[in-house]
Amino acid sequence: LAALITPNLPEACEILGIDEIRNQSQMKDAAKRMLELGSQCVLLKGGHLDDEDCVDILYDGNDWIELNAKRVNTPHTHGTGCTLSAAIAAGLARGMTMKESVALAKQYITTSINHSPVIGEGIGPVGHHAFREHFPWAAKVES
């Protein structure tokens, strides 16, 4: 029933009953297999790979879109999955296509990770406030 599922690599492995996903080729295979489970699109998030870039793969059954971003060296990534999904939903609610919504959400989450505040000890949250500076159209939506 889902228009989009957004698993990270460990979640994809659990869903598919496989040990690990180590590269983009395996990511594409996993995305294809997950799409067969019934959703309209799959956004497989590659942040758990050890690559210099974080590559997410969007697959709709026809097109493959690779969304690349430089890895941000921070432990403060709490909430990335929820934030990404919410940003995609917001884009869809504004009338964007799935591809547009996912691409903008990827930019937003990367910016939010880059602006993660240091709060206490351990893994902190992403910097949700970053949208005001980097996505000026969002400020208009707030009011």
N, C-alpha and C. Protein backbone atom coordinates (compact mmCIF):
# COMPACT_ATOMS: atom_id res chain seq x y z
N LEU A 1 0.81 -1.21 0.00
CA LEU A 1 0.00 0.00 0.00
C LEU A 1 0.84 1.26 0.00
N ALA A 2 2.12 1.14 0.32
CA ALA A 2 2.99 2.31 0.46
C ALA A 2 3.39 2.88 -0.89
N ALA A 3 3.39 4.20 -0.99
CA ALA A 3 3.92 4.85 -2.18
C ALA A 3 5.44 4.76 -2.20
N LEU A 4 6.05 4.77 -1.02
CA LEU A 4 7.51 4.76 -0.91
C LEU A 4 7.91 4.10 0.41
N ILE A 5 8.94 3.27 0.35
CA ILE A 5 9.58 2.79 1.58
C ILE A 5 11.01 3.31 1.56
N THR A 6 11.56 3.57 2.75
CA THR A 6 12.87 4.22 2.86
C THR A 6 13.80 3.47 3.81
N PRO A 7 14.06 2.21 3.56
CA PRO A 7 14.93 1.47 4.48
C PRO A 7 16.39 1.86 4.35
N ASN A 8 17.11 1.76 5.46
CA ASN A 8 18.56 1.85 5.41
C ASN A 8 19.08 0.44 5.11
N LEU A 9 20.37 0.28 5.00
CA LEU A 9 20.91 -1.03 4.61
C LEU A 9 20.64 -2.14 5.63
N PRO A 10 20.85 -1.90 6.93
CA PRO A 10 20.51 -2.97 7.89
C PRO A 10 19.03 -3.36 7.84
N GLU A 11 18.16 -2.37 7.68
CA GLU A 11 16.73 -2.67 7.59
C GLU A 11 16.41 -3.48 6.33
N ALA A 12 17.03 -3.11 5.21
CA ALA A 12 16.83 -3.85 3.97
C ALA A 12 17.28 -5.30 4.12
N CYS A 13 18.40 -5.50 4.79
CA CYS A 13 18.89 -6.87 5.01
C CYS A 13 17.88 -7.66 5.83
N GLU A 14 17.33 -7.04 6.86
CA GLU A 14 16.35 -7.71 7.71
C GLU A 14 15.09 -8.05 6.90
N ILE A 15 14.61 -7.12 6.10
CA ILE A 15 13.42 -7.34 5.29
C ILE A 15 13.63 -8.49 4.31
N LEU A 16 14.80 -8.53 3.69
CA LEU A 16 15.07 -9.51 2.65
C LEU A 16 15.70 -10.81 3.17
N GLY A 17 16.09 -10.83 4.43
CA GLY A 17 16.70 -12.03 4.99
C GLY A 17 18.08 -12.31 4.44
N ILE A 18 18.86 -11.23 4.22
CA ILE A 18 20.24 -11.39 3.74
C ILE A 18 21.21 -10.87 4.79
N ASP A 19 22.48 -11.27 4.65
CA ASP A 19 23.48 -10.91 5.66
C ASP A 19 23.93 -9.46 5.59
N GLU A 20 24.29 -8.98 4.39
CA GLU A 20 24.75 -7.60 4.28
C GLU A 20 24.68 -7.12 2.84
N ILE A 21 24.72 -5.81 2.71
CA ILE A 21 24.79 -5.12 1.42
C ILE A 21 26.06 -4.31 1.47
N ARG A 22 26.98 -4.57 0.52
CA ARG A 22 28.31 -3.96 0.61
C ARG A 22 28.61 -2.93 -0.48
N ASN A 23 27.76 -2.80 -1.50
CA ASN A 23 28.07 -1.88 -2.60
C ASN A 23 26.80 -1.47 -3.32
N GLN A 24 26.95 -0.56 -4.28
CA GLN A 24 25.78 -0.03 -4.99
C GLN A 24 25.11 -1.07 -5.87
N SER A 25 25.87 -1.99 -6.41
CA SER A 25 25.27 -3.06 -7.21
C SER A 25 24.34 -3.91 -6.35
N GLN A 26 24.78 -4.25 -5.16
CA GLN A 26 23.94 -5.01 -4.24
C GLN A 26 22.75 -4.16 -3.75
N MET A 27 22.96 -2.85 -3.64
CA MET A 27 21.86 -1.97 -3.27
C MET A 27 20.76 -2.02 -4.33
N LYS A 28 21.16 -1.98 -5.60
CA LYS A 28 20.16 -2.03 -6.67
C LYS A 28 19.40 -3.35 -6.68
N ASP A 29 20.12 -4.43 -6.46
CA ASP A 29 19.47 -5.74 -6.39
C ASP A 29 18.46 -5.77 -5.24
N ALA A 30 18.86 -5.24 -4.09
CA ALA A 30 17.98 -5.22 -2.93
C ALA A 30 16.76 -4.34 -3.18
N ALA A 31 16.97 -3.18 -3.79
CA ALA A 31 15.85 -2.27 -4.09
C ALA A 31 14.85 -2.94 -5.02
N LYS A 32 15.36 -3.62 -6.01
CA LYS A 32 14.49 -4.32 -6.97
C LYS A 32 13.67 -5.40 -6.24
N ARG A 33 14.32 -6.14 -5.37
CA ARG A 33 13.62 -7.19 -4.63
C ARG A 33 12.58 -6.60 -3.67
N MET A 34 12.91 -5.46 -3.06
CA MET A 34 11.96 -4.85 -2.13
C MET A 34 10.75 -4.28 -2.87
N LEU A 35 10.97 -3.74 -4.06
CA LEU A 35 9.85 -3.21 -4.84
C LEU A 35 8.85 -4.32 -5.15
N GLU A 36 9.35 -5.52 -5.37
CA GLU A 36 8.48 -6.66 -5.66
C GLU A 36 7.58 -7.01 -4.48
N LEU A 37 7.88 -6.50 -3.30
CA LEU A 37 7.06 -6.75 -2.13
C LEU A 37 5.80 -5.89 -2.11
N GLY A 38 5.73 -4.86 -3.00
CA GLY A 38 4.47 -4.15 -3.14
C GLY A 38 4.46 -2.65 -3.13
N SER A 39 5.50 -1.98 -2.66
CA SER A 39 5.46 -0.51 -2.67
C SER A 39 5.63 0.01 -4.09
N GLN A 40 5.26 1.25 -4.31
CA GLN A 40 5.40 1.86 -5.63
C GLN A 40 6.84 2.27 -5.91
N CYS A 41 7.57 2.67 -4.88
CA CYS A 41 8.96 3.11 -5.01
C CYS A 41 9.75 2.66 -3.79
N VAL A 42 11.07 2.54 -3.99
CA VAL A 42 11.98 2.22 -2.91
C VAL A 42 13.10 3.25 -2.91
N LEU A 43 13.37 3.83 -1.76
CA LEU A 43 14.55 4.67 -1.58
C LEU A 43 15.44 3.92 -0.60
N LEU A 44 16.47 3.29 -1.13
CA LEU A 44 17.41 2.54 -0.29
C LEU A 44 18.55 3.47 0.10
N LYS A 45 18.70 3.69 1.40
CA LYS A 45 19.66 4.67 1.92
C LYS A 45 21.00 4.01 2.19
N GLY A 46 22.05 4.57 1.60
CA GLY A 46 23.37 3.97 1.66
C GLY A 46 24.31 4.54 2.69
N GLY A 47 23.81 5.23 3.68
CA GLY A 47 24.66 5.85 4.68
C GLY A 47 25.49 4.89 5.52
N HIS A 48 25.13 3.61 5.55
CA HIS A 48 25.89 2.64 6.33
C HIS A 48 27.07 2.05 5.57
N LEU A 49 27.22 2.39 4.29
CA LEU A 49 28.42 1.96 3.58
C LEU A 49 29.59 2.80 4.06
N ASP A 50 30.80 2.35 3.82
CA ASP A 50 31.99 3.09 4.26
C ASP A 50 32.56 3.98 3.17
N ASP A 51 31.78 4.30 2.17
CA ASP A 51 32.27 5.12 1.06
C ASP A 51 32.42 6.59 1.47
N GLU A 52 33.18 7.32 0.69
CA GLU A 52 33.37 8.76 0.93
C GLU A 52 32.06 9.51 0.71
N ASP A 53 31.28 9.06 -0.26
CA ASP A 53 29.97 9.65 -0.53
C ASP A 53 28.88 8.77 0.06
N CYS A 54 27.78 9.39 0.43
CA CYS A 54 26.59 8.65 0.83
C CYS A 54 25.66 8.62 -0.37
N VAL A 55 25.45 7.46 -0.92
CA VAL A 55 24.61 7.31 -2.11
C VAL A 55 23.33 6.60 -1.71
N ASP A 56 22.22 7.26 -1.98
CA ASP A 56 20.91 6.65 -1.82
C ASP A 56 20.41 6.31 -3.22
N ILE A 57 19.64 5.25 -3.33
CA ILE A 57 19.14 4.82 -4.63
C ILE A 57 17.62 4.80 -4.60
N LEU A 58 17.02 5.54 -5.53
CA LEU A 58 15.57 5.56 -5.69
C LEU A 58 15.22 4.71 -6.90
N TYR A 59 14.28 3.80 -6.72
CA TYR A 59 13.86 2.92 -7.80
C TYR A 59 12.35 2.85 -7.83
N ASP A 60 11.78 3.06 -9.02
CA ASP A 60 10.33 3.03 -9.17
C ASP A 60 9.85 1.89 -10.08
N GLY A 61 10.73 0.97 -10.39
CA GLY A 61 10.38 -0.12 -11.28
C GLY A 61 10.82 0.12 -12.71
N ASN A 62 11.11 1.38 -13.03
CA ASN A 62 11.59 1.75 -14.36
C ASN A 62 12.92 2.48 -14.30
N ASP A 63 12.98 3.49 -13.47
CA ASP A 63 14.16 4.37 -13.41
C ASP A 63 14.95 4.17 -12.13
N TRP A 64 16.27 4.29 -12.27
CA TRP A 64 17.19 4.30 -11.14
C TRP A 64 17.72 5.71 -10.99
N ILE A 65 17.62 6.25 -9.81
CA ILE A 65 18.18 7.57 -9.56
C ILE A 65 19.14 7.44 -8.38
N GLU A 66 20.38 7.83 -8.59
CA GLU A 66 21.38 7.83 -7.53
C GLU A 66 21.50 9.23 -6.97
N LEU A 67 21.31 9.36 -5.68
CA LEU A 67 21.40 10.64 -5.01
C LEU A 67 22.68 10.64 -4.18
N ASN A 68 23.62 11.47 -4.59
CA ASN A 68 24.94 11.50 -3.96
C ASN A 68 25.10 12.70 -3.05
N ALA A 69 25.79 12.49 -1.95
CA ALA A 69 26.17 13.59 -1.06
C ALA A 69 27.47 13.19 -0.37
N LYS A 70 28.33 14.16 -0.15
CA LYS A 70 29.57 13.90 0.59
C LYS A 70 29.22 13.49 2.01
N ARG A 71 29.92 12.48 2.49
CA ARG A 71 29.72 12.04 3.87
C ARG A 71 30.13 13.14 4.84
N VAL A 72 29.33 13.39 5.83
CA VAL A 72 29.61 14.38 6.86
C VAL A 72 30.18 13.63 8.06
N ASN A 73 31.34 14.05 8.51
CA ASN A 73 32.01 13.38 9.62
C ASN A 73 31.47 13.91 10.95
N THR A 74 30.37 13.31 11.40
CA THR A 74 29.76 13.68 12.68
C THR A 74 29.03 12.48 13.25
N PRO A 75 29.03 12.35 14.56
CA PRO A 75 28.22 11.29 15.16
C PRO A 75 26.77 11.73 15.37
N HIS A 76 26.48 13.00 15.12
CA HIS A 76 25.17 13.57 15.44
C HIS A 76 24.20 13.39 14.28
N THR A 77 23.67 12.18 14.21
CA THR A 77 22.79 11.82 13.11
C THR A 77 21.47 11.25 13.61
N HIS A 78 21.16 11.46 14.87
CA HIS A 78 19.90 10.93 15.41
C HIS A 78 18.72 11.60 14.70
N GLY A 79 17.83 10.79 14.15
CA GLY A 79 16.64 11.32 13.51
C GLY A 79 16.74 11.47 12.00
N THR A 80 17.83 11.00 11.41
CA THR A 80 17.99 11.20 9.96
C THR A 80 16.89 10.51 9.15
N GLY A 81 16.56 9.29 9.49
CA GLY A 81 15.55 8.56 8.71
C GLY A 81 14.18 9.19 8.81
N CYS A 82 13.79 9.55 10.02
CA CYS A 82 12.48 10.18 10.23
C CYS A 82 12.41 11.55 9.55
N THR A 83 13.50 12.30 9.66
CA THR A 83 13.55 13.62 9.05
C THR A 83 13.47 13.52 7.53
N LEU A 84 14.21 12.58 6.96
CA LEU A 84 14.18 12.38 5.52
C LEU A 84 12.77 12.01 5.06
N SER A 85 12.15 11.06 5.72
CA SER A 85 10.80 10.64 5.33
C SER A 85 9.79 11.78 5.45
N ALA A 86 9.90 12.55 6.52
CA ALA A 86 8.99 13.69 6.71
C ALA A 86 9.20 14.74 5.63
N ALA A 87 10.45 14.98 5.25
CA ALA A 87 10.74 15.96 4.20
C ALA A 87 10.18 15.49 2.85
N ILE A 88 10.29 14.20 2.58
CA ILE A 88 9.71 13.66 1.34
C ILE A 88 8.19 13.84 1.35
N ALA A 89 7.56 13.50 2.47
CA ALA A 89 6.11 13.65 2.57
C ALA A 89 5.69 15.11 2.39
N ALA A 90 6.47 16.03 2.95
CA ALA A 90 6.16 17.46 2.80
C ALA A 90 6.24 17.88 1.34
N GLY A 91 7.26 17.41 0.64
CA GLY A 91 7.37 17.72 -0.78
C GLY A 91 6.20 17.17 -1.58
N LEU A 92 5.80 15.96 -1.29
CA LEU A 92 4.66 15.37 -1.99
C LEU A 92 3.38 16.16 -1.69
N ALA A 93 3.22 16.58 -0.44
CA ALA A 93 2.05 17.36 -0.06
C ALA A 93 2.01 18.71 -0.77
N ARG A 94 3.19 19.23 -1.12
CA ARG A 94 3.26 20.51 -1.85
C ARG A 94 3.07 20.32 -3.35
N GLY A 95 2.85 19.07 -3.81
CA GLY A 95 2.58 18.82 -5.21
C GLY A 95 3.80 18.42 -6.03
N MET A 96 4.93 18.20 -5.37
CA MET A 96 6.13 17.76 -6.09
C MET A 96 5.97 16.30 -6.51
N THR A 97 6.70 15.91 -7.53
CA THR A 97 6.75 14.51 -7.91
C THR A 97 7.57 13.75 -6.87
N MET A 98 7.51 12.43 -6.94
CA MET A 98 8.31 11.62 -6.02
C MET A 98 9.79 11.94 -6.20
N LYS A 99 10.25 12.01 -7.45
CA LYS A 99 11.67 12.27 -7.71
C LYS A 99 12.09 13.63 -7.18
N GLU A 100 11.27 14.65 -7.39
CA GLU A 100 11.58 15.99 -6.89
C GLU A 100 11.61 16.00 -5.36
N SER A 101 10.62 15.36 -4.75
CA SER A 101 10.53 15.34 -3.28
C SER A 101 11.73 14.64 -2.67
N VAL A 102 12.12 13.50 -3.25
CA VAL A 102 13.25 12.75 -2.71
C VAL A 102 14.54 13.54 -2.88
N ALA A 103 14.73 14.16 -4.05
CA ALA A 103 15.95 14.93 -4.30
C ALA A 103 16.07 16.11 -3.33
N LEU A 104 14.98 16.83 -3.11
CA LEU A 104 15.02 17.97 -2.19
C LEU A 104 15.22 17.49 -0.75
N ALA A 105 14.56 16.39 -0.40
CA ALA A 105 14.72 15.85 0.95
C ALA A 105 16.16 15.40 1.20
N LYS A 106 16.80 14.84 0.18
CA LYS A 106 18.21 14.43 0.31
C LYS A 106 19.09 15.66 0.58
N GLN A 107 18.83 16.75 -0.14
CA GLN A 107 19.57 17.99 0.11
C GLN A 107 19.32 18.49 1.53
N TYR A 108 18.07 18.43 1.94
CA TYR A 108 17.71 18.92 3.27
C TYR A 108 18.38 18.09 4.37
N ILE A 109 18.35 16.77 4.26
CA ILE A 109 18.93 15.96 5.33
C ILE A 109 20.45 16.12 5.36
N THR A 110 21.07 16.25 4.20
CA THR A 110 22.52 16.47 4.17
C THR A 110 22.86 17.80 4.85
N THR A 111 22.09 18.84 4.54
CA THR A 111 22.29 20.14 5.17
C THR A 111 22.05 20.06 6.67
N SER A 112 21.03 19.33 7.07
CA SER A 112 20.71 19.18 8.49
C SER A 112 21.81 18.43 9.24
N ILE A 113 22.40 17.42 8.61
CA ILE A 113 23.51 16.71 9.24
C ILE A 113 24.71 17.64 9.36
N ASN A 114 24.95 18.46 8.32
CA ASN A 114 26.05 19.42 8.37
C ASN A 114 25.88 20.45 9.48
N HIS A 115 24.66 20.69 9.90
CA HIS A 115 24.38 21.70 10.92
C HIS A 115 23.90 21.08 12.22
N SER A 116 24.31 19.84 12.48
CA SER A 116 23.91 19.17 13.71
C SER A 116 24.48 19.88 14.93
N PRO A 117 23.63 20.18 15.90
CA PRO A 117 24.14 20.81 17.12
C PRO A 117 24.78 19.76 18.03
N VAL A 118 25.68 20.20 18.86
CA VAL A 118 26.27 19.31 19.86
C VAL A 118 25.49 19.53 21.14
N ILE A 119 24.73 18.50 21.52
CA ILE A 119 23.89 18.59 22.71
C ILE A 119 24.23 17.42 23.61
N GLY A 120 24.80 17.69 24.74
CA GLY A 120 25.13 16.63 25.68
C GLY A 120 26.19 15.68 25.14
N GLU A 121 26.11 14.43 25.58
CA GLU A 121 27.06 13.42 25.16
C GLU A 121 26.36 12.40 24.27
N GLY A 122 27.13 11.68 23.49
CA GLY A 122 26.56 10.64 22.63
C GLY A 122 26.09 11.18 21.30
N ILE A 123 25.23 10.42 20.67
CA ILE A 123 24.73 10.79 19.34
C ILE A 123 23.63 11.82 19.50
N GLY A 124 23.84 12.99 18.89
CA GLY A 124 22.86 14.07 18.97
C GLY A 124 21.98 14.11 17.74
N PRO A 125 21.00 15.01 17.75
CA PRO A 125 20.07 15.13 16.64
C PRO A 125 20.66 15.91 15.47
N VAL A 126 20.01 15.77 14.32
CA VAL A 126 20.40 16.58 13.17
C VAL A 126 19.88 18.00 13.38
N GLY A 127 20.41 18.95 12.63
CA GLY A 127 20.05 20.36 12.78
C GLY A 127 18.84 20.72 11.93
N HIS A 128 17.66 20.44 12.43
CA HIS A 128 16.44 20.70 11.67
C HIS A 128 16.27 22.17 11.30
N HIS A 129 16.85 23.04 12.08
CA HIS A 129 16.74 24.48 11.84
C HIS A 129 17.41 24.93 10.53
N ALA A 130 18.19 24.09 9.93
CA ALA A 130 18.97 24.48 8.74
C ALA A 130 18.08 24.89 7.57
N PHE A 131 16.81 24.48 7.58
CA PHE A 131 15.96 24.80 6.44
C PHE A 131 15.75 26.29 6.28
N ARG A 132 15.76 27.04 7.35
CA ARG A 132 15.49 28.48 7.25
C ARG A 132 16.55 29.19 6.40
N GLU A 133 17.81 28.78 6.58
CA GLU A 133 18.90 29.43 5.86
C GLU A 133 19.06 28.85 4.45
N HIS A 134 18.90 27.55 4.31
CA HIS A 134 19.24 26.90 3.05
C HIS A 134 18.04 26.61 2.16
N PHE A 135 16.83 26.72 2.70
CA PHE A 135 15.62 26.50 1.91
C PHE A 135 14.65 27.63 2.20
N PRO A 136 14.92 28.82 1.63
CA PRO A 136 14.14 30.01 1.97
C PRO A 136 12.64 29.86 1.72
N TRP A 137 12.26 29.05 0.74
CA TRP A 137 10.83 28.88 0.47
C TRP A 137 10.11 28.29 1.68
N ALA A 138 10.82 27.51 2.51
CA ALA A 138 10.21 26.85 3.66
C ALA A 138 9.77 27.88 4.70
N ALA A 139 10.49 28.97 4.84
CA ALA A 139 10.12 30.00 5.81
C ALA A 139 8.74 30.55 5.49
N LYS A 140 8.39 30.64 4.22
CA LYS A 140 7.08 31.14 3.81
C LYS A 140 5.98 30.15 4.22
N VAL A 141 6.30 28.88 4.21
CA VAL A 141 5.33 27.85 4.59
C VAL A 141 5.03 27.89 6.08
N GLU A 142 6.04 28.30 6.87
CA GLU A 142 5.89 28.34 8.32
C GLU A 142 4.77 29.26 8.77
N SER A 143 4.63 30.41 8.12
CA SER A 143 3.66 31.41 8.61
C SER A 143 2.26 31.16 8.15
